[in-house]
Amino acid sequence: MICSIKRAASLALAAICTFFCTLATASATELPEVTAKGAVVINAETGEVLFAQGSTKKLPMASTTKIMTTILAIENGTLDEMFTVDEQAVKVEGSSMGLRENDKVTLRALCYGMMLPSGNDAAGCTAVRVGGSIPRFVEMMNEKAAELGMSSTHFVTPSGLDDDTDEHYSTAEDMAKLTRYAMKNDTFREICSAKSAKVTFGSPPYERWLTNTNKLLKTCHGVIGVKTGFTDKAGRCLVSCCQRGGAELICVTLGDRNDWQDHSMLYDRCFPFVSRQTLDVGRESYELAAAGGEKDRVLCKVEPAQAYLLSGKASEVKAVVHLPGFVYAPVRKGELVGRVDHFYKGELIAQSGIYCAEELDKKEHKADLCEVLGALLSVLMKD
């Protein structure tokens, strides 16, 4: 009887363990489908795909286009210089930030105008200001897309308005790449995360408030951006970024009638796949040759490194050590002397500092050539 009870308990425990292991290692393919024509969720830290559905299908992306327009403005323009808007650029249909002919504005205000109320007028004025003309700016957009590896993307307009040629398109995967790049820029992050913003423009300029159309900022826990979009051809498009428990994910849906719900659901399902994991730094300490000090070697320690990865993926991260051949005294305890770069699938995802673990005082006299050569010889012999 006792043996039977023990066996039953053992089987029950095994079943429970199997259940939780299945949850921990669940793949993105087990997630429910969404209503989007194209969708993807990626880990912002590593670029790894957690969920994909039609993610490589070429589709119009509406005003999510303005992610590219905004990051190019930030990278290539003088953000706080006031100028007069181009009178032709403000004459566009669709959503607007309220620009009129002869208005004076800054690029920073235009960036808020693009990312919050999705102003097509702001996109046109930005293109002329940064590129000199809309056609030249579109060339810049496509050049940047190629640089970022957005191989299935082609831009025709800076705003994302439908064009007659069907040549303005991207994929959920490419838009995630673009967003991951843009979110590394602090100015872009600040702008796209704002629920509202006070900007100054007009003729003469005066202060006014702009409101963000991205309601996920208020309704979905942890969302910090990014951009909404809609045209008759593209349907509802949405790019968002969300932080929970230190991890950061990016979600893109194109042609999705239930985009708000789908983004919230995908974040709830995908965040459990990602956990903070300790990375292998190779060695915990190094001895560096030293010149001009009270002793000829100094002890250095490697700081721990962590990254948010899919379960069990830390073993796939490659560590590359960067250390000088030797150091000159004096060296203070805690001084940075090198680093370890951590690569996941060829991409840098984290860095560990290598710090001096002890004081190395300078000798009374200056290091002579023999000491320097001796330090170099010590390094060569060690190698």
Protein backbone atom coordinates (compact mmCIF):
# COMPACT_ATOMS: atom_id res chain seq x y z
CA MET A 1 0.00 0.00 0.00
CA ILE A 2 2.76 2.39 1.01
CA CYS A 3 4.70 1.53 -2.16
CA SER A 4 1.62 2.27 -4.27
CA ILE A 5 1.17 5.66 -2.60
CA LYS A 6 4.84 6.51 -3.13
CA ARG A 7 4.63 5.47 -6.77
CA ALA A 8 1.49 7.55 -7.33
CA ALA A 9 3.11 10.57 -5.66
CA SER A 10 6.22 10.11 -7.79
CA LEU A 11 4.16 9.97 -10.99
CA ALA A 12 2.22 13.05 -9.95
CA LEU A 13 5.43 14.96 -9.22
CA ALA A 14 6.87 13.92 -12.57
CA ALA A 15 3.73 15.14 -14.32
CA ILE A 16 3.92 18.50 -12.56
CA CYS A 17 7.61 18.89 -13.46
CA THR A 18 6.88 18.01 -17.07
CA PHE A 19 4.09 20.59 -17.18
CA PHE A 20 6.26 23.42 -15.88
CA CYS A 21 9.21 22.45 -18.07
CA THR A 22 6.89 22.60 -21.07
CA LEU A 23 5.82 26.11 -20.07
CA ALA A 24 9.44 27.21 -19.62
CA THR A 25 10.54 25.93 -23.01
CA ALA A 26 7.39 26.78 -24.97
CA SER A 27 8.19 27.94 -28.47
CA ALA A 28 6.69 30.96 -30.19
CA THR A 29 4.96 28.68 -32.68
CA GLU A 30 2.63 27.57 -29.88
CA LEU A 31 1.20 31.09 -29.49
CA PRO A 32 -2.30 31.70 -30.87
CA GLU A 33 -2.66 33.37 -34.25
CA VAL A 34 -3.47 37.07 -34.47
CA THR A 35 -5.66 38.88 -36.99
CA ALA A 36 -2.72 40.71 -38.59
CA LYS A 37 -1.56 40.08 -42.15
CA GLY A 38 1.98 40.33 -40.81
CA ALA A 39 3.19 40.21 -37.20
CA VAL A 40 6.36 39.69 -35.19
CA VAL A 41 7.63 39.98 -31.61
CA ILE A 42 11.37 40.28 -31.03
CA ASN A 43 13.68 40.56 -28.05
CA ALA A 44 14.99 44.14 -28.26
CA GLU A 45 18.27 43.15 -26.59
CA THR A 46 19.23 40.31 -28.95
CA GLY A 47 16.96 40.74 -31.97
CA GLU A 48 15.74 37.16 -31.53
CA VAL A 49 12.26 36.41 -32.86
CA LEU A 50 9.78 35.20 -30.21
CA PHE A 51 6.68 35.14 -32.42
CA ALA A 52 6.15 35.41 -36.17
CA GLN A 53 3.11 35.25 -38.41
CA GLY A 54 3.48 36.42 -42.01
CA SER A 55 6.46 38.40 -40.73
CA THR A 56 8.28 38.47 -44.08
CA LYS A 57 5.25 39.34 -46.20
CA LYS A 58 5.61 42.67 -48.03
CA LEU A 59 2.83 45.00 -46.90
CA PRO A 60 2.08 48.74 -46.80
CA MET A 61 2.96 50.12 -43.35
CA ALA A 62 1.10 53.45 -43.28
CA SER A 63 2.36 56.00 -40.74
CA THR A 64 4.72 53.60 -38.99
CA THR A 65 6.90 54.90 -41.85
CA LYS A 66 7.44 57.97 -39.67
CA ILE A 67 9.74 55.92 -37.42
CA MET A 68 12.29 56.11 -40.22
CA THR A 69 11.58 59.78 -40.95
CA THR A 70 11.98 60.70 -37.29
CA ILE A 71 15.22 58.82 -36.65
CA LEU A 72 16.76 60.35 -39.79
CA ALA A 73 15.73 63.82 -38.59
CA ILE A 74 17.33 63.18 -35.19
CA GLU A 75 20.53 61.86 -36.73
CA ASN A 76 20.92 64.40 -39.53
CA GLY A 77 19.34 67.64 -38.38
CA THR A 78 19.80 70.46 -35.88
CA LEU A 79 16.82 69.76 -33.65
CA ASP A 80 16.32 73.10 -31.90
CA GLU A 81 16.98 75.58 -34.70
CA MET A 82 13.85 77.54 -35.70
CA PHE A 83 13.07 77.75 -39.45
CA THR A 84 10.18 78.52 -41.77
CA VAL A 85 8.27 75.51 -43.09
CA ASP A 86 8.14 74.72 -46.80
CA GLU A 87 4.76 75.96 -48.07
CA GLN A 88 4.27 72.96 -50.38
CA ALA A 89 5.24 70.39 -47.78
CA VAL A 90 2.41 71.40 -45.43
CA LYS A 91 -0.22 70.90 -48.14
CA VAL A 92 -0.88 67.21 -47.55
CA GLU A 93 -3.97 65.19 -46.75
CA GLY A 94 -4.68 63.10 -43.69
CA SER A 95 -3.52 63.56 -40.12
CA SER A 96 -1.80 66.82 -39.24
CA MET A 97 0.01 68.58 -36.41
CA GLY A 98 -1.56 71.86 -37.59
CA LEU A 99 1.21 73.48 -39.62
CA ARG A 100 0.39 76.38 -41.95
CA GLU A 101 2.28 78.39 -44.54
CA ASN A 102 4.99 80.67 -43.08
CA ASP A 103 4.94 78.89 -39.71
CA LYS A 104 8.21 78.80 -37.85
CA VAL A 105 9.08 75.49 -36.22
CA THR A 106 11.99 73.32 -35.04
CA LEU A 107 12.87 69.81 -36.14
CA ARG A 108 12.30 68.64 -32.58
CA ALA A 109 8.72 69.93 -32.72
CA LEU A 110 8.27 68.19 -36.08
CA CYS A 111 9.48 64.92 -34.57
CA TYR A 112 6.85 65.20 -31.86
CA GLY A 113 4.35 66.17 -34.54
CA MET A 114 5.13 62.99 -36.50
CA MET A 115 5.26 60.55 -33.60
CA LEU A 116 2.33 61.80 -31.49
CA PRO A 117 -0.54 63.08 -33.71
CA SER A 118 1.08 61.43 -36.77
CA GLY A 119 1.31 64.65 -38.75
CA ASN A 120 1.78 64.11 -42.47
CA ASP A 121 2.56 67.84 -42.69
CA ALA A 122 5.37 67.34 -40.18
CA ALA A 123 6.80 64.46 -42.22
CA GLY A 124 6.81 66.50 -45.43
CA CYS A 125 8.46 69.49 -43.77
CA THR A 126 11.05 67.25 -42.13
CA ALA A 127 11.91 65.68 -45.48
CA VAL A 128 12.50 69.07 -47.13
CA ARG A 129 14.45 70.42 -44.18
CA VAL A 130 16.76 67.39 -43.80
CA GLY A 131 17.03 66.16 -47.38
CA GLY A 132 16.59 69.40 -49.32
CA SER A 133 13.63 67.86 -51.14
CA ILE A 134 11.19 65.02 -50.61
CA PRO A 135 12.70 62.84 -53.39
CA ARG A 136 16.20 63.20 -51.95
CA PHE A 137 14.96 62.44 -48.44
CA VAL A 138 13.23 59.29 -49.71
CA GLU A 139 16.60 58.23 -51.13
CA MET A 140 18.05 58.73 -47.65
CA MET A 141 15.28 56.55 -46.20
CA ASN A 142 16.04 53.71 -48.61
CA GLU A 143 19.78 54.05 -48.03
CA LYS A 144 19.23 53.75 -44.28
CA ALA A 145 16.95 50.76 -44.80
CA ALA A 146 19.69 49.00 -46.75
CA GLU A 147 22.22 49.86 -44.03
CA LEU A 148 19.96 48.28 -41.39
CA GLY A 149 19.41 45.10 -43.39
CA MET A 150 15.77 45.89 -44.19
CA SER A 151 15.99 43.88 -47.40
CA SER A 152 12.24 43.71 -48.03
CA THR A 153 11.49 47.41 -47.57
CA HIS A 154 11.05 50.26 -50.03
CA PHE A 155 10.01 53.80 -49.16
CA VAL A 156 8.24 56.21 -51.52
CA THR A 157 6.94 58.86 -49.09
CA PRO A 158 8.19 60.23 -45.75
CA SER A 159 4.71 60.01 -44.24
CA GLY A 160 3.43 56.57 -45.27
CA LEU A 161 0.46 57.85 -47.27
CA ASP A 162 -0.73 55.37 -49.89
CA ASP A 163 0.93 55.74 -53.29
CA ASP A 164 -0.40 54.67 -56.68
CA THR A 165 2.58 52.45 -57.50
CA ASP A 166 2.31 49.96 -54.60
CA GLU A 167 6.06 50.51 -54.14
CA HIS A 168 5.81 51.76 -50.55
CA TYR A 169 6.08 48.61 -48.47
CA SER A 170 7.89 46.79 -45.69
CA THR A 171 7.50 43.68 -43.55
CA ALA A 172 6.79 43.19 -39.88
CA GLU A 173 10.30 41.78 -39.52
CA ASP A 174 11.94 44.78 -41.19
CA MET A 175 9.92 47.28 -39.16
CA ALA A 176 11.03 45.48 -35.99
CA LYS A 177 14.66 45.87 -37.11
CA LEU A 178 14.12 49.58 -37.70
CA THR A 179 12.40 50.05 -34.35
CA ARG A 180 15.11 48.15 -32.49
CA TYR A 181 17.68 50.48 -34.04
CA ALA A 182 15.66 53.65 -33.36
CA MET A 183 14.98 52.72 -29.72
CA LYS A 184 18.72 52.75 -29.04
CA ASN A 185 18.57 56.53 -29.54
CA ASP A 186 17.65 58.33 -26.31
CA THR A 187 16.00 61.26 -28.08
CA PHE A 188 13.80 58.95 -30.14
CA ARG A 189 12.82 56.98 -27.01
CA GLU A 190 11.88 60.17 -25.19
CA ILE A 191 9.71 61.40 -28.05
CA CYS A 192 7.84 58.19 -28.87
CA SER A 193 7.10 57.45 -25.21
CA ALA A 194 5.44 60.81 -24.52
CA LYS A 195 1.67 60.63 -23.93
CA SER A 196 1.54 64.34 -24.75
CA ALA A 197 4.01 67.12 -25.39
CA LYS A 198 4.10 70.92 -25.39
CA VAL A 199 5.74 72.31 -28.51
CA THR A 200 6.16 75.77 -30.01
CA PHE A 201 5.41 76.71 -33.62
CA GLY A 202 3.34 79.16 -35.66
CA SER A 203 3.57 82.62 -37.19
CA PRO A 204 4.48 84.00 -34.74
CA PRO A 205 5.35 80.84 -32.76
CA TYR A 206 3.32 80.01 -29.66
CA GLU A 207 3.02 77.05 -27.31
CA ARG A 208 0.50 74.27 -27.90
CA TRP A 209 -0.08 70.66 -26.82
CA LEU A 210 0.11 67.53 -28.97
CA THR A 211 -1.49 64.22 -27.91
CA ASN A 212 -0.19 60.74 -28.73
CA THR A 213 -2.51 58.47 -30.73
CA ASN A 214 -0.87 55.35 -29.22
CA LYS A 215 -3.35 54.36 -26.51
CA LEU A 216 -1.20 51.36 -25.51
CA LEU A 217 0.85 53.88 -23.54
CA LYS A 218 -2.11 54.10 -21.16
CA THR A 219 -3.71 50.66 -21.46
CA CYS A 220 -0.87 48.11 -21.65
CA HIS A 221 1.52 47.67 -18.74
CA GLY A 222 5.12 48.56 -19.59
CA VAL A 223 4.57 50.01 -23.09
CA ILE A 224 7.01 52.86 -23.88
CA GLY A 225 6.17 53.58 -27.56
CA VAL A 226 6.24 53.52 -30.55
CA LYS A 227 3.94 54.43 -33.50
CA THR A 228 0.44 53.95 -34.88
CA GLY A 229 -0.60 53.97 -38.54
CA PHE A 230 -3.64 53.66 -40.77
CA THR A 231 -4.56 54.05 -44.43
CA ASP A 232 -7.31 52.43 -46.47
CA LYS A 233 -4.74 50.28 -48.26
CA ALA A 234 -2.59 49.34 -45.26
CA GLY A 235 -5.35 48.97 -42.69
CA ARG A 236 -4.41 49.35 -39.04
CA CYS A 237 -0.65 49.18 -38.39
CA LEU A 238 1.02 49.34 -35.01
CA VAL A 239 4.58 49.20 -33.70
CA SER A 240 5.10 49.08 -29.95
CA CYS A 241 7.86 48.51 -27.42
CA CYS A 242 7.31 47.18 -23.92
CA GLN A 243 9.45 46.78 -20.79
CA ARG A 244 8.64 44.30 -18.04
CA GLY A 245 10.93 42.98 -15.35
CA GLY A 246 13.96 44.54 -17.04
CA ALA A 247 13.38 42.80 -20.38
CA GLU A 248 12.32 44.74 -23.48
CA LEU A 249 10.27 43.40 -26.40
CA ILE A 250 9.17 44.97 -29.69
CA CYS A 251 5.90 44.03 -31.40
CA VAL A 252 4.85 44.89 -34.96
CA THR A 253 1.49 44.20 -36.59
CA LEU A 254 0.57 45.25 -40.13
CA GLY A 255 -2.99 45.09 -41.44
CA ASP A 256 -4.48 44.14 -38.06
CA ARG A 257 -8.05 45.09 -37.16
CA ASN A 258 -7.46 44.01 -33.53
CA ASP A 259 -4.04 45.54 -33.05
CA TRP A 260 -4.52 46.90 -29.51
CA GLN A 261 -5.71 43.54 -28.19
CA ASP A 262 -3.14 41.55 -30.17
CA HIS A 263 -0.19 43.56 -28.86
CA SER A 264 -1.35 43.22 -25.26
CA MET A 265 -1.93 39.48 -25.66
CA LEU A 266 1.42 38.88 -27.35
CA TYR A 267 3.30 40.70 -24.61
CA ASP A 268 1.51 38.69 -21.92
CA ARG A 269 2.43 35.46 -23.71
CA CYS A 270 5.98 36.30 -24.85
CA PHE A 271 7.56 37.89 -21.77
CA PRO A 272 7.62 34.55 -19.88
CA PHE A 273 9.90 33.16 -22.63
CA VAL A 274 12.64 35.65 -21.71
CA SER A 275 14.70 35.57 -18.53
CA ARG A 276 17.76 37.35 -17.15
CA GLN A 277 20.70 34.99 -17.46
CA THR A 278 24.32 35.19 -16.31
CA LEU A 279 26.84 35.15 -19.15
CA ASP A 280 30.13 33.28 -19.14
CA VAL A 281 33.00 35.78 -18.89
CA GLY A 282 35.68 33.15 -19.50
CA ARG A 283 37.94 33.88 -16.55
CA GLU A 284 37.14 35.74 -13.37
CA SER A 285 40.58 37.39 -13.15
CA TYR A 286 43.69 38.27 -15.17
CA GLU A 287 47.22 39.33 -14.32
CA LEU A 288 48.48 42.22 -16.42
CA ALA A 289 52.13 43.07 -16.94
CA ALA A 290 52.97 46.51 -15.54
CA ALA A 291 55.68 49.06 -16.22
CA GLY A 292 56.94 51.72 -13.87
CA GLY A 293 55.27 50.28 -10.77
CA GLU A 294 56.30 48.88 -7.42
CA LYS A 295 55.73 45.41 -8.90
CA ASP A 296 55.75 44.06 -12.43
CA ARG A 297 52.22 42.57 -12.50
CA VAL A 298 48.80 43.69 -11.34
CA LEU A 299 45.65 41.63 -10.62
CA CYS A 300 42.46 42.50 -12.54
CA LYS A 301 38.92 41.24 -11.99
CA VAL A 302 36.10 40.76 -14.52
CA GLU A 303 32.66 42.06 -13.55
CA PRO A 304 29.69 39.72 -14.02
CA ALA A 305 27.49 40.18 -17.08
CA GLN A 306 23.84 39.39 -17.64
CA ALA A 307 21.40 39.57 -20.53
CA TYR A 308 17.74 38.83 -21.17
CA LEU A 309 17.63 35.71 -23.32
CA LEU A 310 15.40 32.81 -24.19
CA SER A 311 15.67 29.98 -21.69
CA GLY A 312 18.98 28.12 -21.93
CA LYS A 313 20.47 30.40 -24.58
CA ALA A 314 23.25 31.85 -22.40
CA SER A 315 25.53 28.98 -23.43
CA GLU A 316 25.33 30.22 -27.03
CA VAL A 317 26.82 33.61 -26.18
CA LYS A 318 30.46 34.06 -27.23
CA ALA A 319 32.84 36.11 -25.07
CA VAL A 320 35.66 38.13 -26.65
CA VAL A 321 38.28 39.58 -24.25
CA HIS A 322 39.93 42.96 -24.87
CA LEU A 323 42.98 43.68 -22.68
CA PRO A 324 46.11 45.77 -23.29
CA GLY A 325 49.49 44.03 -23.36
CA PHE A 326 50.53 45.91 -20.21
CA VAL A 327 49.67 48.97 -18.14
CA TYR A 328 51.71 51.93 -16.90
CA ALA A 329 51.78 52.70 -13.20
CA PRO A 330 50.11 54.23 -11.33
CA VAL A 331 46.88 52.22 -11.57
CA ARG A 332 44.13 52.71 -9.02
CA LYS A 333 41.96 49.95 -7.57
CA GLY A 334 38.68 49.86 -9.52
CA GLU A 335 40.18 51.49 -12.61
CA LEU A 336 38.83 50.15 -15.92
CA VAL A 337 41.61 48.44 -17.88
CA GLY A 338 39.71 46.25 -20.39
CA ARG A 339 36.41 44.67 -21.30
CA VAL A 340 34.69 41.48 -22.41
CA ASP A 341 32.28 41.74 -25.37
CA HIS A 342 29.42 39.23 -25.43
CA PHE A 343 28.08 38.23 -28.86
CA TYR A 344 24.86 36.35 -29.55
CA LYS A 345 24.45 35.16 -33.13
CA GLY A 346 27.18 37.57 -34.19
CA GLU A 347 25.66 40.63 -32.51
CA LEU A 348 26.99 42.47 -29.47
CA ILE A 349 24.42 42.17 -26.65
CA ALA A 350 26.41 42.98 -23.49
CA GLN A 351 29.78 44.08 -22.17
CA SER A 352 31.69 43.30 -18.98
CA GLY A 353 34.31 45.65 -17.59
CA ILE A 354 37.72 44.39 -16.46
CA TYR A 355 38.92 46.40 -13.46
CA CYS A 356 42.15 46.62 -11.51
CA ALA A 357 41.68 44.71 -8.24
CA GLU A 358 44.57 46.36 -6.38
CA GLU A 359 46.58 49.54 -6.14
CA LEU A 360 49.73 49.79 -8.23
CA ASP A 361 51.83 52.74 -7.16
CA LYS A 362 54.44 54.35 -9.34
CA LYS A 363 58.11 53.88 -8.58
CA GLU A 364 60.18 56.81 -7.40
CA HIS A 365 61.95 57.04 -10.76
CA LYS A 366 60.39 57.05 -14.22
CA ALA A 367 60.06 53.79 -16.08
CA ASP A 368 63.00 53.41 -18.43
CA LEU A 369 63.13 51.68 -21.79
CA CYS A 370 64.39 48.44 -20.25
CA GLU A 371 61.35 48.19 -17.97
CA VAL A 372 58.95 48.79 -20.85
CA LEU A 373 60.74 46.19 -22.98
CA GLY A 374 60.71 43.81 -20.02
CA ALA A 375 56.94 44.19 -19.67
CA LEU A 376 56.49 43.53 -23.37
CA LEU A 377 58.77 40.49 -23.20
CA SER A 378 56.75 39.17 -20.25
CA VAL A 379 53.57 39.41 -22.33
CA LEU A 380 55.15 37.67 -25.32
CA MET A 381 56.57 34.85 -23.22
CA LYS A 382 53.19 34.37 -21.54
CA ASP A 383 51.47 34.08 -24.94
